[in-house]
Amino acid sequence: MAANDKNNEDVPPTEPEEGEAGEPTSTEDGEPSLADEATESNAEDLLESLLSDIERNLVEEYKDRAARAEAELANFRSRVERDRAANRDAVIAEVIRALLPAMDDLERADSHGDLTGSPLEIVAQKIRGGFDRFGLATVGVVGEAFDPNRHAAIAQIPTAGATSETVADVIEVGYILGDRLLRPAKVAVAAPTE
């Protein structure tokens, strides 16, 4: 065995040849070979391609985010406008509702002839004109069909020949503003006899 050890000592260790085990190959003058330059070029192209794809994806993502934000803003604006209009209508309705007792007094005075020729006649006309501008309409006319959603029945009068419930007399006029009932009309209802 000693002879084998001596033979191993005489053999110089082998070094990898150029190009093996990840060693860069080079030309005789120490410059990188064409294979190395091609590999570097491919790596740079691949890196540029990946970066380009990432940039495109980011641009698309930010465009999508911007479009969503714009849509959310448009929805928010329309919601605010709708709420603002609803609040405006509610405030107008409350102000008119508060003025209805004064309007009732003016109507009673007018029906008795107390407003004719007085300065309050002009005031009553202006108040009615202002209410009309906002779309205030009266509810409760003699002869119209009784509607429990718009009328409050104070009395029921059995009437021969009546086929359905109708308004026989209006005790207090009701008011409606747009589709909002401010006050139901207080009425006497003519009902069919049984």
N, C-alpha and C. Protein backbone atom coordinates (compact mmCIF):
# COMPACT_ATOMS: atom_id res chain seq x y z
N MET A 1 0.79 -1.18 0.00
CA MET A 1 0.00 0.00 0.00
C MET A 1 0.84 1.25 0.00
N ALA A 2 1.97 1.16 0.53
CA ALA A 2 2.86 2.31 0.55
C ALA A 2 3.24 2.70 -0.86
N ALA A 3 3.32 1.71 -1.74
CA ALA A 3 3.65 2.02 -3.12
C ALA A 3 2.54 2.80 -3.78
N ASN A 4 1.30 2.47 -3.44
CA ASN A 4 0.16 3.20 -4.01
C ASN A 4 0.15 4.64 -3.54
N ASP A 5 0.50 4.85 -2.27
CA ASP A 5 0.53 6.21 -1.73
C ASP A 5 1.60 7.04 -2.44
N LYS A 6 2.71 6.38 -2.75
CA LYS A 6 3.78 7.09 -3.41
C LYS A 6 3.37 7.49 -4.83
N ASN A 7 2.62 6.64 -5.50
CA ASN A 7 2.16 6.96 -6.85
C ASN A 7 1.17 8.14 -6.83
N ASN A 8 0.36 8.22 -5.80
CA ASN A 8 -0.63 9.30 -5.70
C ASN A 8 0.06 10.63 -5.43
N GLU A 9 1.19 10.57 -4.74
CA GLU A 9 1.88 11.81 -4.43
C GLU A 9 2.54 12.40 -5.67
N ASP A 10 2.92 11.55 -6.60
CA ASP A 10 3.61 12.03 -7.79
C ASP A 10 2.64 12.69 -8.79
N VAL A 11 1.39 12.33 -8.70
CA VAL A 11 0.43 12.86 -9.69
C VAL A 11 -0.04 14.23 -9.20
N PRO A 12 0.17 15.25 -10.02
CA PRO A 12 -0.31 16.58 -9.60
C PRO A 12 -1.83 16.63 -9.69
N PRO A 13 -2.44 17.37 -8.79
CA PRO A 13 -3.92 17.46 -8.84
C PRO A 13 -4.34 18.09 -10.16
N THR A 14 -5.49 17.59 -10.68
CA THR A 14 -5.98 18.11 -11.97
C THR A 14 -6.81 19.35 -11.72
N GLU A 15 -6.66 20.32 -12.54
CA GLU A 15 -7.43 21.55 -12.44
C GLU A 15 -8.51 21.52 -13.51
N PRO A 16 -9.63 22.09 -13.24
CA PRO A 16 -10.69 22.07 -14.25
C PRO A 16 -10.24 22.82 -15.49
N GLU A 17 -10.69 22.29 -16.58
CA GLU A 17 -10.36 22.96 -17.83
C GLU A 17 -11.18 24.22 -17.95
N GLU A 18 -10.75 25.10 -18.79
CA GLU A 18 -11.45 26.37 -18.97
C GLU A 18 -12.86 26.09 -19.46
N GLY A 19 -13.85 26.81 -18.88
CA GLY A 19 -15.23 26.63 -19.29
C GLY A 19 -15.95 25.64 -18.40
N GLU A 20 -15.28 24.89 -17.54
CA GLU A 20 -15.93 23.94 -16.67
C GLU A 20 -16.27 24.59 -15.35
N ALA A 21 -17.27 24.02 -14.66
CA ALA A 21 -17.65 24.39 -13.31
C ALA A 21 -17.86 25.88 -13.16
N GLY A 22 -18.52 26.51 -14.13
CA GLY A 22 -18.88 27.91 -14.02
C GLY A 22 -17.75 28.87 -14.21
N GLU A 23 -16.57 28.39 -14.56
CA GLU A 23 -15.45 29.29 -14.80
C GLU A 23 -15.71 30.03 -16.10
N PRO A 24 -15.55 31.34 -16.14
CA PRO A 24 -15.76 32.06 -17.39
C PRO A 24 -14.70 31.68 -18.41
N THR A 25 -15.16 31.54 -19.59
CA THR A 25 -14.21 31.28 -20.68
C THR A 25 -13.73 32.61 -21.20
N SER A 26 -12.50 32.60 -21.61
CA SER A 26 -11.96 33.85 -22.14
C SER A 26 -11.04 33.52 -23.30
N THR A 27 -10.81 34.51 -24.07
CA THR A 27 -9.90 34.34 -25.19
C THR A 27 -8.49 34.44 -24.65
N GLU A 28 -7.54 34.21 -25.52
CA GLU A 28 -6.14 34.21 -25.10
C GLU A 28 -5.69 35.56 -24.56
N ASP A 29 -6.31 36.65 -25.02
CA ASP A 29 -5.87 37.96 -24.54
C ASP A 29 -6.64 38.40 -23.28
N GLY A 30 -7.48 37.51 -22.66
CA GLY A 30 -8.15 37.80 -21.40
C GLY A 30 -9.53 38.43 -21.57
N GLU A 31 -10.02 38.64 -22.77
CA GLU A 31 -11.35 39.20 -23.01
C GLU A 31 -12.39 38.10 -22.91
N PRO A 32 -13.63 38.43 -22.47
CA PRO A 32 -14.67 37.40 -22.41
C PRO A 32 -14.96 36.86 -23.80
N SER A 33 -15.36 35.60 -23.83
CA SER A 33 -15.62 34.96 -25.13
C SER A 33 -16.99 35.38 -25.64
N LEU A 34 -17.28 35.02 -26.89
CA LEU A 34 -18.56 35.34 -27.51
C LEU A 34 -19.70 34.64 -26.78
N ALA A 35 -19.46 33.44 -26.26
CA ALA A 35 -20.50 32.70 -25.53
C ALA A 35 -20.89 33.47 -24.28
N ASP A 36 -19.89 34.04 -23.57
CA ASP A 36 -20.19 34.82 -22.36
C ASP A 36 -20.97 36.09 -22.73
N GLU A 37 -20.58 36.74 -23.78
CA GLU A 37 -21.29 37.95 -24.20
C GLU A 37 -22.71 37.63 -24.61
N ALA A 38 -22.95 36.51 -25.27
CA ALA A 38 -24.28 36.11 -25.69
C ALA A 38 -25.14 35.82 -24.46
N THR A 39 -24.56 35.14 -23.47
CA THR A 39 -25.30 34.84 -22.24
C THR A 39 -25.67 36.12 -21.51
N GLU A 40 -24.72 37.04 -21.41
CA GLU A 40 -25.00 38.32 -20.77
C GLU A 40 -26.07 39.09 -21.55
N SER A 41 -26.00 39.06 -22.87
CA SER A 41 -26.97 39.75 -23.71
C SER A 41 -28.36 39.14 -23.51
N ASN A 42 -28.42 37.80 -23.47
CA ASN A 42 -29.71 37.13 -23.24
C ASN A 42 -30.27 37.49 -21.86
N ALA A 43 -29.41 37.55 -20.86
CA ALA A 43 -29.84 37.89 -19.51
C ALA A 43 -30.36 39.32 -19.47
N GLU A 44 -29.67 40.23 -20.16
CA GLU A 44 -30.12 41.61 -20.20
C GLU A 44 -31.45 41.72 -20.93
N ASP A 45 -31.59 40.99 -22.05
CA ASP A 45 -32.86 41.00 -22.79
C ASP A 45 -34.01 40.45 -21.93
N LEU A 46 -33.72 39.37 -21.22
CA LEU A 46 -34.72 38.76 -20.34
C LEU A 46 -35.11 39.73 -19.23
N LEU A 47 -34.12 40.39 -18.65
CA LEU A 47 -34.38 41.36 -17.59
C LEU A 47 -35.21 42.53 -18.13
N GLU A 48 -34.85 43.04 -19.30
CA GLU A 48 -35.61 44.13 -19.90
C GLU A 48 -37.04 43.69 -20.19
N SER A 49 -37.21 42.47 -20.68
CA SER A 49 -38.54 41.94 -20.98
C SER A 49 -39.38 41.84 -19.70
N LEU A 50 -38.76 41.33 -18.63
CA LEU A 50 -39.47 41.21 -17.35
C LEU A 50 -39.85 42.58 -16.81
N LEU A 51 -38.92 43.51 -16.87
CA LEU A 51 -39.20 44.86 -16.40
C LEU A 51 -40.30 45.52 -17.22
N SER A 52 -40.26 45.29 -18.53
CA SER A 52 -41.28 45.85 -19.41
C SER A 52 -42.65 45.27 -19.06
N ASP A 53 -42.72 43.96 -18.82
CA ASP A 53 -43.98 43.32 -18.42
C ASP A 53 -44.47 43.86 -17.09
N ILE A 54 -43.57 44.04 -16.16
CA ILE A 54 -43.95 44.57 -14.84
C ILE A 54 -44.47 45.99 -14.98
N GLU A 55 -43.79 46.80 -15.79
CA GLU A 55 -44.24 48.17 -16.01
C GLU A 55 -45.63 48.20 -16.62
N ARG A 56 -45.86 47.34 -17.64
CA ARG A 56 -47.17 47.27 -18.29
C ARG A 56 -48.23 46.87 -17.28
N ASN A 57 -47.92 45.86 -16.45
CA ASN A 57 -48.89 45.41 -15.45
C ASN A 57 -49.19 46.52 -14.44
N LEU A 58 -48.15 47.25 -14.02
CA LEU A 58 -48.37 48.35 -13.08
C LEU A 58 -49.21 49.45 -13.71
N VAL A 59 -48.92 49.76 -14.96
CA VAL A 59 -49.68 50.80 -15.65
C VAL A 59 -51.15 50.37 -15.74
N GLU A 60 -51.39 49.13 -16.11
CA GLU A 60 -52.77 48.63 -16.21
C GLU A 60 -53.44 48.66 -14.85
N GLU A 61 -52.72 48.26 -13.82
CA GLU A 61 -53.28 48.26 -12.47
C GLU A 61 -53.65 49.68 -12.04
N TYR A 62 -52.76 50.64 -12.29
CA TYR A 62 -53.04 52.01 -11.89
C TYR A 62 -54.16 52.63 -12.74
N LYS A 63 -54.25 52.25 -14.01
CA LYS A 63 -55.37 52.70 -14.83
C LYS A 63 -56.68 52.17 -14.28
N ASP A 64 -56.68 50.90 -13.89
CA ASP A 64 -57.87 50.28 -13.31
C ASP A 64 -58.25 50.97 -12.00
N ARG A 65 -57.25 51.23 -11.16
CA ARG A 65 -57.51 51.92 -9.89
C ARG A 65 -58.08 53.31 -10.14
N ALA A 66 -57.52 54.01 -11.12
CA ALA A 66 -58.00 55.37 -11.42
C ALA A 66 -59.44 55.33 -11.93
N ALA A 67 -59.75 54.35 -12.79
CA ALA A 67 -61.12 54.23 -13.30
C ALA A 67 -62.10 53.92 -12.17
N ARG A 68 -61.70 53.03 -11.26
CA ARG A 68 -62.57 52.71 -10.12
C ARG A 68 -62.77 53.93 -9.23
N ALA A 69 -61.69 54.66 -8.97
CA ALA A 69 -61.79 55.85 -8.13
C ALA A 69 -62.70 56.90 -8.78
N GLU A 70 -62.59 57.04 -10.09
CA GLU A 70 -63.43 57.99 -10.81
C GLU A 70 -64.90 57.57 -10.74
N ALA A 71 -65.16 56.27 -10.88
CA ALA A 71 -66.54 55.78 -10.78
C ALA A 71 -67.09 55.97 -9.37
N GLU A 72 -66.27 55.71 -8.37
CA GLU A 72 -66.70 55.92 -6.99
C GLU A 72 -67.01 57.39 -6.73
N LEU A 73 -66.20 58.26 -7.28
CA LEU A 73 -66.43 59.70 -7.11
C LEU A 73 -67.73 60.12 -7.79
N ALA A 74 -67.98 59.60 -8.98
CA ALA A 74 -69.23 59.93 -9.68
C ALA A 74 -70.43 59.42 -8.89
N ASN A 75 -70.34 58.21 -8.34
CA ASN A 75 -71.42 57.66 -7.52
C ASN A 75 -71.63 58.50 -6.28
N PHE A 76 -70.53 58.92 -5.66
CA PHE A 76 -70.61 59.74 -4.46
C PHE A 76 -71.30 61.07 -4.77
N ARG A 77 -70.90 61.68 -5.88
CA ARG A 77 -71.52 62.96 -6.27
C ARG A 77 -73.01 62.81 -6.49
N SER A 78 -73.41 61.76 -7.21
CA SER A 78 -74.85 61.58 -7.47
C SER A 78 -75.60 61.30 -6.18
N ARG A 79 -74.98 60.54 -5.27
CA ARG A 79 -75.61 60.27 -3.98
C ARG A 79 -75.77 61.56 -3.17
N VAL A 80 -74.75 62.39 -3.18
CA VAL A 80 -74.81 63.66 -2.45
C VAL A 80 -75.89 64.56 -3.05
N GLU A 81 -75.95 64.63 -4.37
CA GLU A 81 -76.98 65.46 -5.02
C GLU A 81 -78.38 64.95 -4.71
N ARG A 82 -78.55 63.63 -4.75
CA ARG A 82 -79.85 63.04 -4.43
C ARG A 82 -80.23 63.33 -2.98
N ASP A 83 -79.27 63.17 -2.06
CA ASP A 83 -79.53 63.45 -0.65
C ASP A 83 -79.81 64.93 -0.42
N ARG A 84 -79.08 65.77 -1.12
CA ARG A 84 -79.29 67.21 -0.99
C ARG A 84 -80.69 67.59 -1.46
N ALA A 85 -81.13 67.02 -2.58
CA ALA A 85 -82.48 67.31 -3.08
C ALA A 85 -83.54 66.80 -2.11
N ALA A 86 -83.32 65.60 -1.56
CA ALA A 86 -84.29 65.05 -0.60
C ALA A 86 -84.35 65.91 0.66
N ASN A 87 -83.19 66.36 1.14
CA ASN A 87 -83.17 67.23 2.32
C ASN A 87 -83.85 68.57 2.03
N ARG A 88 -83.60 69.09 0.85
CA ARG A 88 -84.24 70.36 0.46
C ARG A 88 -85.75 70.20 0.46
N ASP A 89 -86.24 69.11 -0.15
CA ASP A 89 -87.69 68.87 -0.19
C ASP A 89 -88.26 68.69 1.20
N ALA A 90 -87.52 68.01 2.08
CA ALA A 90 -88.00 67.80 3.46
C ALA A 90 -88.08 69.12 4.21
N VAL A 91 -87.10 69.99 4.03
CA VAL A 91 -87.11 71.29 4.71
C VAL A 91 -88.26 72.15 4.19
N ILE A 92 -88.46 72.17 2.89
CA ILE A 92 -89.56 72.95 2.32
C ILE A 92 -90.89 72.43 2.86
N ALA A 93 -91.03 71.10 2.92
CA ALA A 93 -92.27 70.51 3.43
C ALA A 93 -92.51 70.91 4.88
N GLU A 94 -91.47 70.91 5.69
CA GLU A 94 -91.63 71.28 7.10
C GLU A 94 -92.00 72.75 7.26
N VAL A 95 -91.41 73.61 6.47
CA VAL A 95 -91.74 75.04 6.54
C VAL A 95 -93.19 75.26 6.13
N ILE A 96 -93.60 74.64 5.04
CA ILE A 96 -95.00 74.80 4.58
C ILE A 96 -95.95 74.21 5.62
N ARG A 97 -95.61 73.04 6.17
CA ARG A 97 -96.45 72.42 7.20
C ARG A 97 -96.63 73.37 8.39
N ALA A 98 -95.60 74.07 8.76
CA ALA A 98 -95.68 75.01 9.88
C ALA A 98 -96.57 76.21 9.54
N LEU A 99 -96.65 76.56 8.25
CA LEU A 99 -97.46 77.72 7.85
C LEU A 99 -98.92 77.36 7.52
N LEU A 100 -99.25 76.07 7.50
CA LEU A 100 -100.61 75.66 7.12
C LEU A 100 -101.69 76.22 8.04
N PRO A 101 -101.51 76.28 9.37
CA PRO A 101 -102.56 76.88 10.21
C PRO A 101 -102.84 78.35 9.84
N ALA A 102 -101.81 79.11 9.53
CA ALA A 102 -102.03 80.50 9.10
C ALA A 102 -102.77 80.53 7.78
N MET A 103 -102.43 79.61 6.88
CA MET A 103 -103.11 79.53 5.58
C MET A 103 -104.58 79.17 5.79
N ASP A 104 -104.86 78.26 6.73
CA ASP A 104 -106.25 77.89 7.03
C ASP A 104 -107.03 79.11 7.51
N ASP A 105 -106.42 79.90 8.39
CA ASP A 105 -107.09 81.11 8.90
C ASP A 105 -107.39 82.09 7.77
N LEU A 106 -106.42 82.26 6.86
CA LEU A 106 -106.66 83.15 5.72
C LEU A 106 -107.77 82.63 4.82
N GLU A 107 -107.82 81.31 4.61
CA GLU A 107 -108.88 80.72 3.78
C GLU A 107 -110.24 80.91 4.43
N ARG A 108 -110.34 80.73 5.76
CA ARG A 108 -111.62 80.93 6.47
C ARG A 108 -112.05 82.40 6.38
N ALA A 109 -111.10 83.30 6.57
CA ALA A 109 -111.43 84.73 6.46
C ALA A 109 -111.89 85.06 5.05
N ASP A 110 -111.26 84.47 4.05
CA ASP A 110 -111.65 84.72 2.66
C ASP A 110 -113.03 84.17 2.37
N SER A 111 -113.34 82.97 2.92
CA SER A 111 -114.67 82.38 2.67
C SER A 111 -115.78 83.19 3.34
N HIS A 112 -115.49 83.95 4.37
CA HIS A 112 -116.48 84.80 5.03
C HIS A 112 -116.50 86.21 4.43
N GLY A 113 -115.60 86.48 3.50
CA GLY A 113 -115.56 87.78 2.85
C GLY A 113 -114.78 88.82 3.62
N ASP A 114 -114.05 88.40 4.63
CA ASP A 114 -113.30 89.36 5.45
C ASP A 114 -112.04 89.88 4.77
N LEU A 115 -111.54 89.18 3.76
CA LEU A 115 -110.30 89.62 3.10
C LEU A 115 -110.57 90.58 1.95
N THR A 116 -111.75 90.54 1.41
CA THR A 116 -112.06 91.35 0.23
C THR A 116 -111.84 92.83 0.52
N GLY A 117 -110.98 93.44 -0.26
CA GLY A 117 -110.70 94.86 -0.15
C GLY A 117 -109.74 95.24 0.97
N SER A 118 -109.22 94.27 1.69
CA SER A 118 -108.29 94.60 2.78
C SER A 118 -106.86 94.30 2.35
N PRO A 119 -105.89 94.87 3.06
CA PRO A 119 -104.49 94.58 2.72
C PRO A 119 -104.13 93.10 2.90
N LEU A 120 -104.84 92.39 3.76
CA LEU A 120 -104.57 90.97 3.94
C LEU A 120 -104.90 90.14 2.70
N GLU A 121 -105.75 90.67 1.84
CA GLU A 121 -106.08 89.96 0.60
C GLU A 121 -104.82 89.81 -0.26
N ILE A 122 -104.02 90.87 -0.32
CA ILE A 122 -102.77 90.83 -1.10
C ILE A 122 -101.78 89.87 -0.45
N VAL A 123 -101.72 89.89 0.88
CA VAL A 123 -100.82 88.98 1.61
C VAL A 123 -101.22 87.53 1.34
N ALA A 124 -102.51 87.25 1.39
CA ALA A 124 -103.01 85.88 1.13
C ALA A 124 -102.65 85.45 -0.29
N GLN A 125 -102.79 86.36 -1.25
CA GLN A 125 -102.46 86.02 -2.64
C GLN A 125 -100.96 85.71 -2.79
N LYS A 126 -100.14 86.47 -2.11
CA LYS A 126 -98.69 86.24 -2.18
C LYS A 126 -98.32 84.90 -1.54
N ILE A 127 -98.93 84.60 -0.42
CA ILE A 127 -98.64 83.31 0.25
C ILE A 127 -99.08 82.16 -0.65
N ARG A 128 -100.29 82.25 -1.22
CA ARG A 128 -100.77 81.19 -2.13
C ARG A 128 -99.83 81.06 -3.34
N GLY A 129 -99.38 82.19 -3.88
CA GLY A 129 -98.46 82.17 -5.03
C GLY A 129 -97.14 81.50 -4.68
N GLY A 130 -96.63 81.78 -3.47
CA GLY A 130 -95.39 81.14 -3.04
C GLY A 130 -95.56 79.64 -2.87
N PHE A 131 -96.69 79.23 -2.29
CA PHE A 131 -96.96 77.80 -2.13
C PHE A 131 -97.09 77.11 -3.48
N ASP A 132 -97.77 77.79 -4.42
CA ASP A 132 -97.95 77.21 -5.76
C ASP A 132 -96.61 77.03 -6.46
N ARG A 133 -95.70 77.96 -6.24
CA ARG A 133 -94.38 77.88 -6.88
C ARG A 133 -93.63 76.62 -6.43
N PHE A 134 -93.85 76.21 -5.19
CA PHE A 134 -93.20 74.99 -4.69
C PHE A 134 -93.99 73.73 -5.03
N GLY A 135 -95.17 73.89 -5.63
CA GLY A 135 -95.95 72.72 -6.06
C GLY A 135 -96.94 72.22 -5.02
N LEU A 136 -97.34 73.08 -4.10
CA LEU A 136 -98.32 72.69 -3.09
C LEU A 136 -99.68 72.57 -3.74
N ALA A 137 -100.36 71.45 -3.50
CA ALA A 137 -101.69 71.21 -4.06
C ALA A 137 -102.64 70.80 -2.93
N THR A 138 -103.91 71.11 -3.13
CA THR A 138 -104.91 70.75 -2.11
C THR A 138 -105.41 69.34 -2.34
N VAL A 139 -105.84 68.75 -1.26
CA VAL A 139 -106.41 67.40 -1.29
C VAL A 139 -107.77 67.49 -0.62
N GLY A 140 -108.76 66.84 -1.20
CA GLY A 140 -110.09 66.81 -0.61
C GLY A 140 -111.05 67.70 -1.36
N VAL A 141 -111.76 67.12 -2.30
CA VAL A 141 -112.77 67.83 -3.08
C VAL A 141 -114.06 67.03 -2.98
N VAL A 142 -115.14 67.69 -2.78
CA VAL A 142 -116.43 67.02 -2.68
C VAL A 142 -116.68 66.23 -3.96
N GLY A 143 -117.07 64.96 -3.79
CA GLY A 143 -117.40 64.10 -4.93
C GLY A 143 -116.27 63.18 -5.35
N GLU A 144 -115.04 63.42 -4.92
CA GLU A 144 -113.95 62.52 -5.31
C GLU A 144 -114.00 61.24 -4.48
N ALA A 145 -113.40 60.19 -5.00
CA ALA A 145 -113.38 58.91 -4.31
C ALA A 145 -112.58 59.04 -3.02
N PHE A 146 -113.10 58.38 -1.97
CA PHE A 146 -112.41 58.41 -0.68
C PHE A 146 -111.14 57.58 -0.76
N ASP A 147 -110.02 58.17 -0.39
CA ASP A 147 -108.72 57.49 -0.37
C ASP A 147 -108.16 57.61 1.04
N PRO A 148 -108.07 56.51 1.78
CA PRO A 148 -107.59 56.59 3.16
C PRO A 148 -106.13 57.06 3.26
N ASN A 149 -105.40 57.01 2.16
CA ASN A 149 -104.03 57.51 2.17
C ASN A 149 -103.97 59.03 2.10
N ARG A 150 -105.08 59.67 1.65
CA ARG A 150 -105.11 61.12 1.49
C ARG A 150 -106.18 61.79 2.33
N HIS A 151 -107.14 61.01 2.79
CA HIS A 151 -108.27 61.57 3.53
C HIS A 151 -108.34 60.96 4.91
N ALA A 152 -108.76 61.77 5.88
CA ALA A 152 -109.07 61.29 7.23
C ALA A 152 -110.57 61.41 7.40
N ALA A 153 -111.24 60.26 7.52
CA ALA A 153 -112.70 60.26 7.63
C ALA A 153 -113.09 60.67 9.05
N ILE A 154 -113.80 61.78 9.15
CA ILE A 154 -114.28 62.28 10.44
C ILE A 154 -115.68 61.72 10.70
N ALA A 155 -116.45 61.58 9.64
CA ALA A 155 -117.82 61.07 9.77
C ALA A 155 -118.15 60.22 8.55
N GLN A 156 -119.07 59.28 8.75
CA GLN A 156 -119.52 58.44 7.64
C GLN A 156 -121.04 58.62 7.53
N ILE A 157 -121.48 59.02 6.36
CA ILE A 157 -122.90 59.29 6.14
C ILE A 157 -123.45 58.24 5.19
N PRO A 158 -124.34 57.34 5.68
CA PRO A 158 -124.98 56.38 4.78
C PRO A 158 -125.85 57.12 3.77
N THR A 159 -125.61 56.86 2.49
CA THR A 159 -126.29 57.57 1.42
C THR A 159 -126.94 56.57 0.47
N ALA A 160 -128.24 56.74 0.26
CA ALA A 160 -128.96 55.86 -0.67
C ALA A 160 -128.48 56.16 -2.08
N GLY A 161 -128.25 55.12 -2.85
CA GLY A 161 -127.82 55.29 -4.24
C GLY A 161 -126.31 55.41 -4.42
N ALA A 162 -125.58 55.50 -3.34
CA ALA A 162 -124.11 55.59 -3.45
C ALA A 162 -123.56 54.20 -3.74
N THR A 163 -122.65 54.10 -4.70
CA THR A 163 -122.06 52.81 -5.07
C THR A 163 -120.69 52.58 -4.43
N SER A 164 -120.04 53.65 -4.06
CA SER A 164 -118.73 53.54 -3.40
C SER A 164 -118.59 54.70 -2.42
N GLU A 165 -117.56 54.65 -1.64
CA GLU A 165 -117.31 55.72 -0.67
C GLU A 165 -116.74 56.93 -1.40
N THR A 166 -117.41 58.07 -1.22
CA THR A 166 -116.96 59.32 -1.82
C THR A 166 -116.95 60.40 -0.76
N VAL A 167 -116.25 61.49 -1.07
CA VAL A 167 -116.18 62.62 -0.15
C VAL A 167 -117.48 63.40 -0.26
N ALA A 168 -118.22 63.48 0.87
CA ALA A 168 -119.49 64.21 0.90
C ALA A 168 -119.28 65.66 1.32
N ASP A 169 -118.34 65.89 2.23
CA ASP A 169 -118.07 67.25 2.70
C ASP A 169 -116.62 67.33 3.14
N VAL A 170 -116.00 68.48 2.92
CA VAL A 170 -114.62 68.70 3.33
C VAL A 170 -114.64 69.60 4.57
N ILE A 171 -114.18 69.06 5.68
CA ILE A 171 -114.14 69.81 6.92
C ILE A 171 -112.88 70.65 7.00
N GLU A 172 -111.75 70.06 6.62
CA GLU A 172 -110.47 70.78 6.58
C GLU A 172 -109.69 70.28 5.36
N VAL A 173 -109.25 71.20 4.54
CA VAL A 173 -108.53 70.86 3.31
C VAL A 173 -107.19 70.24 3.67
N GLY A 174 -106.79 69.23 2.91
CA GLY A 174 -105.47 68.63 3.07
C GLY A 174 -104.52 69.17 2.02
N TYR A 175 -103.25 68.93 2.22
CA TYR A 175 -102.24 69.45 1.29
C TYR A 175 -101.23 68.36 0.95
N ILE A 176 -100.79 68.43 -0.29
CA ILE A 176 -99.77 67.50 -0.77
C ILE A 176 -98.70 68.32 -1.48
N LEU A 177 -97.44 67.94 -1.27
CA LEU A 177 -96.32 68.63 -1.90
C LEU A 177 -95.54 67.57 -2.69
N GLY A 178 -95.68 67.62 -4.01
CA GLY A 178 -95.06 66.58 -4.83
C GLY A 178 -95.76 65.25 -4.54
N ASP A 179 -95.01 64.28 -4.07
CA ASP A 179 -95.61 63.00 -3.68
C ASP A 179 -95.70 62.84 -2.16
N ARG A 180 -95.43 63.92 -1.44
CA ARG A 180 -95.42 63.90 0.03
C ARG A 180 -96.71 64.53 0.56
N LEU A 181 -97.46 63.75 1.34
CA LEU A 181 -98.67 64.25 1.96
C LEU A 181 -98.29 65.04 3.20
N LEU A 182 -98.62 66.33 3.19
CA LEU A 182 -98.30 67.17 4.33
C LEU A 182 -99.37 67.06 5.41
N ARG A 183 -100.62 67.02 4.96
CA ARG A 183 -101.72 66.89 5.91
C ARG A 183 -102.89 66.25 5.17
N PRO A 184 -103.47 65.18 5.73
CA PRO A 184 -104.65 64.59 5.07
C PRO A 184 -105.86 65.50 5.22
N ALA A 185 -106.75 65.43 4.26
CA ALA A 185 -107.98 66.22 4.33
C ALA A 185 -108.93 65.56 5.31
N LYS A 186 -109.54 66.35 6.15
CA LYS A 186 -110.56 65.84 7.08
C LYS A 186 -111.88 65.93 6.37
N VAL A 187 -112.53 64.78 6.17
CA VAL A 187 -113.73 64.74 5.33
C VAL A 187 -114.83 63.92 5.98
N ALA A 188 -116.05 64.18 5.49
CA ALA A 188 -117.20 63.33 5.79
C ALA A 188 -117.40 62.44 4.57
N VAL A 189 -117.60 61.16 4.79
CA VAL A 189 -117.65 60.20 3.69
C VAL A 189 -119.09 59.73 3.46
N ALA A 190 -119.52 59.81 2.20
CA ALA A 190 -120.81 59.26 1.80
C ALA A 190 -120.57 57.78 1.49
N ALA A 191 -121.25 56.89 2.26
CA ALA A 191 -121.07 55.45 2.08
C ALA A 191 -122.38 54.82 1.60
N PRO A 192 -122.27 53.74 0.83
CA PRO A 192 -123.50 53.07 0.37
C PRO A 192 -124.27 52.48 1.57
N THR A 193 -125.58 52.50 1.47
CA THR A 193 -126.40 51.89 2.52
C THR A 193 -126.45 50.39 2.27
N GLU A 194 -126.59 49.65 3.37
CA GLU A 194 -126.62 48.19 3.20
C GLU A 194 -128.01 47.68 3.22
